[in-house]
Amino acid sequence: MARKSDPQTIAQAMKCANKVARGQACTMSELKATVQLLNSALKTARTTAKVAKREAGEAKEMVSKLLGRIGL
């Protein structure tokens, strides 16, 4: 039987998570890798969202200033 490799991508981690949700078995190393990978992805997504929100606010402020200069 071929050895299952630990998840390396979010898609692979989600497959393992879905197996657990259905009540199927995953190895402990697969579960550990899945948790670490999804935790890292969540942190990255939060950081990216925070940066995008800040940049959108800066862009909105810039547009407002420009519109104020031309009298709109």
C-alpha atoms as a PDB file:
ATOM      1  CA  MET A   1       0.000   0.000   0.000  1.00  0.00           C
ATOM      2  CA  ALA A   2       1.338   3.426  -0.932  1.00  0.00           C
ATOM      3  CA  ARG A   3       2.149   5.813   1.897  1.00  0.00           C
ATOM      4  CA  LYS A   4      -0.134   8.856   2.061  1.00  0.00           C
ATOM      5  CA  SER A   5       1.808  12.097   1.976  1.00  0.00           C
ATOM      6  CA  ASP A   6       0.963  14.940   4.286  1.00  0.00           C
ATOM      7  CA  PRO A   7      -1.049  17.825   2.805  1.00  0.00           C
ATOM      8  CA  GLN A   8       1.085  20.495   1.150  1.00  0.00           C
ATOM      9  CA  THR A   9      -1.651  22.735  -0.258  1.00  0.00           C
ATOM     10  CA  ILE A  10      -4.886  24.161   1.064  1.00  0.00           C
ATOM     11  CA  ALA A  11      -6.845  21.942  -1.336  1.00  0.00           C
ATOM     12  CA  GLN A  12      -5.168  18.824   0.042  1.00  0.00           C
ATOM     13  CA  ALA A  13      -5.760  20.030   3.601  1.00  0.00           C
ATOM     14  CA  MET A  14      -9.433  20.608   2.847  1.00  0.00           C
ATOM     15  CA  LYS A  15      -9.728  17.038   1.526  1.00  0.00           C
ATOM     16  CA  CYS A  16      -8.441  15.745   4.850  1.00  0.00           C
ATOM     17  CA  ALA A  17     -10.754  18.096   6.767  1.00  0.00           C
ATOM     18  CA  ASN A  18     -13.727  16.906   4.703  1.00  0.00           C
ATOM     19  CA  LYS A  19     -12.799  13.279   5.394  1.00  0.00           C
ATOM     20  CA  VAL A  20     -12.826  13.999   9.129  1.00  0.00           C
ATOM     21  CA  ALA A  21     -16.182  15.777   8.814  1.00  0.00           C
ATOM     22  CA  ARG A  22     -17.622  12.684   7.096  1.00  0.00           C
ATOM     23  CA  GLY A  23     -16.275  10.473   9.877  1.00  0.00           C
ATOM     24  CA  GLN A  24     -13.515   8.894   7.803  1.00  0.00           C
ATOM     25  CA  ALA A  25     -10.019   8.345   9.145  1.00  0.00           C
ATOM     26  CA  CYS A  26      -6.921  10.450   8.548  1.00  0.00           C
ATOM     27  CA  THR A  27      -3.503   9.750   9.958  1.00  0.00           C
ATOM     28  CA  MET A  28      -2.320  11.862  12.865  1.00  0.00           C
ATOM     29  CA  SER A  29       0.433  13.360  10.713  1.00  0.00           C
ATOM     30  CA  GLU A  30      -2.128  14.311   8.047  1.00  0.00           C
ATOM     31  CA  LEU A  31      -4.326  15.954  10.678  1.00  0.00           C
ATOM     32  CA  LYS A  32      -1.392  17.823  12.199  1.00  0.00           C
ATOM     33  CA  ALA A  33      -0.236  19.071   8.805  1.00  0.00           C
ATOM     34  CA  THR A  34      -3.826  20.040   7.922  1.00  0.00           C
ATOM     35  CA  VAL A  35      -4.280  22.057  11.098  1.00  0.00           C
ATOM     36  CA  GLN A  36      -0.933  23.824  10.682  1.00  0.00           C
ATOM     37  CA  LEU A  37      -1.559  24.597   7.016  1.00  0.00           C
ATOM     38  CA  LEU A  38      -5.099  25.895   7.532  1.00  0.00           C
ATOM     39  CA  ASN A  39      -4.002  27.946  10.545  1.00  0.00           C
ATOM     40  CA  SER A  40      -1.232  29.518   8.479  1.00  0.00           C
ATOM     41  CA  ALA A  41      -3.659  30.195   5.623  1.00  0.00           C
ATOM     42  CA  LEU A  42      -6.113  31.872   8.003  1.00  0.00           C
ATOM     43  CA  LYS A  43      -3.400  34.139   9.400  1.00  0.00           C
ATOM     44  CA  THR A  44      -2.294  35.066   5.888  1.00  0.00           C
ATOM     45  CA  ALA A  45      -5.867  35.786   4.812  1.00  0.00           C
ATOM     46  CA  ARG A  46      -6.454  38.028   7.820  1.00  0.00           C
ATOM     47  CA  THR A  47      -3.248  39.956   7.181  1.00  0.00           C
ATOM     48  CA  THR A  48      -4.057  40.336   3.483  1.00  0.00           C
ATOM     49  CA  ALA A  49      -7.584  41.539   4.264  1.00  0.00           C
ATOM     50  CA  LYS A  50      -6.243  44.086   6.747  1.00  0.00           C
ATOM     51  CA  VAL A  51      -3.770  45.457   4.177  1.00  0.00           C
ATOM     52  CA  ALA A  52      -6.435  45.567   1.452  1.00  0.00           C
ATOM     53  CA  LYS A  53      -8.825  47.418   3.742  1.00  0.00           C
ATOM     54  CA  ARG A  54      -6.161  49.984   4.610  1.00  0.00           C
ATOM     55  CA  GLU A  55      -5.237  50.476   0.952  1.00  0.00           C
ATOM     56  CA  ALA A  56      -8.902  50.869  -0.016  1.00  0.00           C
ATOM     57  CA  GLY A  57      -9.283  53.559   2.644  1.00  0.00           C
ATOM     58  CA  GLU A  58      -6.209  55.363   1.329  1.00  0.00           C
ATOM     59  CA  ALA A  59      -7.548  55.181  -2.229  1.00  0.00           C
ATOM     60  CA  LYS A  60     -10.937  56.513  -1.114  1.00  0.00           C
ATOM     61  CA  GLU A  61      -9.241  59.398   0.674  1.00  0.00           C
ATOM     62  CA  MET A  62      -7.141  60.161  -2.413  1.00  0.00           C
ATOM     63  CA  VAL A  63     -10.206  60.225  -4.666  1.00  0.00           C
ATOM     64  CA  SER A  64     -12.053  62.475  -2.233  1.00  0.00           C
ATOM     65  CA  LYS A  65      -9.133  64.922  -2.192  1.00  0.00           C
ATOM     66  CA  LEU A  66      -8.948  64.952  -5.984  1.00  0.00           C
ATOM     67  CA  LEU A  67     -12.678  65.526  -6.314  1.00  0.00           C
ATOM     68  CA  GLY A  68     -12.422  68.325  -3.778  1.00  0.00           C
ATOM     69  CA  ARG A  69      -9.718  70.026  -5.826  1.00  0.00           C
ATOM     70  CA  ILE A  70     -11.819  70.090  -8.970  1.00  0.00           C
ATOM     71  CA  GLY A  71     -14.904  71.243  -7.103  1.00  0.00           C
ATOM     72  CA  LEU A  72     -17.169  68.179  -7.378  1.00  0.00           C
END
